[in-house]
Amino acid sequence: MPSKSKAENLKALQAKGIPRKSWSKDEFCARNGISVGFYDKLKKLGLAPDETEVLDRVLITGESEERWLRKNKRNVASGKARSGKAASAEA
């Protein structure tokens, strides 16, 4: 039985109503409207989401993405996004 491609596996999961639970760095950036370069800058500053390493792949889980979004929403609401480390990330 031949192996299915990543796209074929994704279609099969979607057809069964099974949501994805992790994304590559490129996919995460596309989902959240940021560049890979900006993600790398956030990571360097300790502001990126938690990553999970599986063999030679780096994945960002849905739970990690949710925590990251909540944290950043709080930072924006409290004004921290324009001061301290977050301001450095935008430069």
Protein backbone atom coordinates (compact mmCIF):
# COMPACT_ATOMS: atom_id res chain seq x y z
CA MET A 1 0.00 0.00 0.00
CA PRO A 2 1.58 3.29 -1.08
CA SER A 3 2.07 6.11 1.40
CA LYS A 4 -0.27 9.06 1.19
CA SER A 5 1.01 12.59 0.83
CA LYS A 6 0.67 15.16 3.59
CA ALA A 7 -2.11 16.84 1.58
CA GLU A 8 -3.98 13.54 1.14
CA ASN A 9 -3.73 12.79 4.86
CA LEU A 10 -5.00 16.29 5.69
CA LYS A 11 -7.98 15.88 3.33
CA ALA A 12 -8.84 12.51 4.90
CA LEU A 13 -8.76 14.01 8.41
CA GLN A 14 -10.90 16.97 7.34
CA ALA A 15 -13.41 14.66 5.65
CA LYS A 16 -13.81 12.81 8.96
CA GLY A 17 -14.12 16.08 10.90
CA ILE A 18 -10.83 15.60 12.78
CA PRO A 19 -9.13 18.95 13.41
CA ARG A 20 -5.38 19.47 13.20
CA LYS A 21 -3.64 19.92 16.52
CA SER A 22 -0.18 21.13 15.49
CA TRP A 23 1.50 23.21 12.81
CA SER A 24 4.99 23.78 11.46
CA LYS A 25 6.63 27.17 12.06
CA ASP A 26 5.74 28.27 8.51
CA GLU A 27 2.11 27.15 8.93
CA PHE A 28 1.86 28.83 12.34
CA CYS A 29 3.18 32.10 10.93
CA ALA A 30 0.72 31.99 8.02
CA ARG A 31 -2.17 31.22 10.43
CA ASN A 32 -1.27 34.20 12.60
CA GLY A 33 -0.28 36.70 9.92
CA ILE A 34 3.36 37.11 10.93
CA SER A 35 6.56 36.54 8.97
CA VAL A 36 8.99 33.76 9.80
CA GLY A 37 11.62 36.45 10.40
CA PHE A 38 9.40 38.14 12.99
CA TYR A 39 8.71 34.76 14.61
CA ASP A 40 12.46 34.17 14.86
CA LYS A 41 12.87 37.60 16.46
CA LEU A 42 10.12 36.78 18.99
CA LYS A 43 11.81 33.45 19.74
CA LYS A 44 15.15 35.15 20.32
CA LEU A 45 13.43 37.47 22.84
CA GLY A 46 11.63 34.57 24.56
CA LEU A 47 8.22 35.77 23.30
CA ALA A 48 7.39 33.00 20.80
CA PRO A 49 4.98 30.15 21.56
CA ASP A 50 6.31 26.94 23.08
CA GLU A 51 7.64 24.53 20.48
CA THR A 52 7.50 20.74 20.43
CA GLU A 53 10.33 18.88 18.74
CA VAL A 54 9.57 15.57 17.06
CA LEU A 55 12.69 14.03 15.54
CA ASP A 56 13.89 16.74 13.14
CA ARG A 57 10.59 18.68 13.05
CA VAL A 58 9.54 21.64 15.16
CA LEU A 59 5.80 21.88 15.79
CA ILE A 60 3.59 24.41 17.53
CA THR A 61 0.58 22.74 19.13
CA GLY A 62 -2.90 24.22 19.26
CA GLU A 63 -2.61 24.54 23.04
CA SER A 64 0.67 26.42 22.72
CA GLU A 65 -0.86 28.73 20.11
CA GLU A 66 -3.87 29.43 22.38
CA ARG A 67 -1.60 30.27 25.36
CA TRP A 68 0.54 32.52 23.16
CA LEU A 69 -2.52 34.36 21.80
CA ARG A 70 -4.01 34.82 25.31
CA LYS A 71 -0.71 36.12 26.67
CA ASN A 72 -0.30 38.59 23.82
CA LYS A 73 -3.91 39.73 24.11
CA ARG A 74 -3.30 40.50 27.80
CA ASN A 75 -0.07 42.34 26.96
CA VAL A 76 -1.83 44.52 24.40
CA ALA A 77 -4.72 45.23 26.78
CA SER A 78 -2.34 46.22 29.59
CA GLY A 79 -0.09 48.33 27.36
CA LYS A 80 2.91 46.01 27.74
CA ALA A 81 3.09 45.40 24.00
CA ARG A 82 4.66 48.82 23.47
CA SER A 83 7.17 48.64 26.30
CA GLY A 84 9.91 46.31 27.43
CA LYS A 85 10.69 43.18 25.45
CA ALA A 86 7.63 43.34 23.21
CA ALA A 87 8.63 46.78 21.92
CA SER A 88 12.10 45.42 21.10
CA ALA A 89 10.49 42.68 19.03
CA GLU A 90 8.69 45.23 16.89
CA ALA A 91 11.86 47.18 16.08
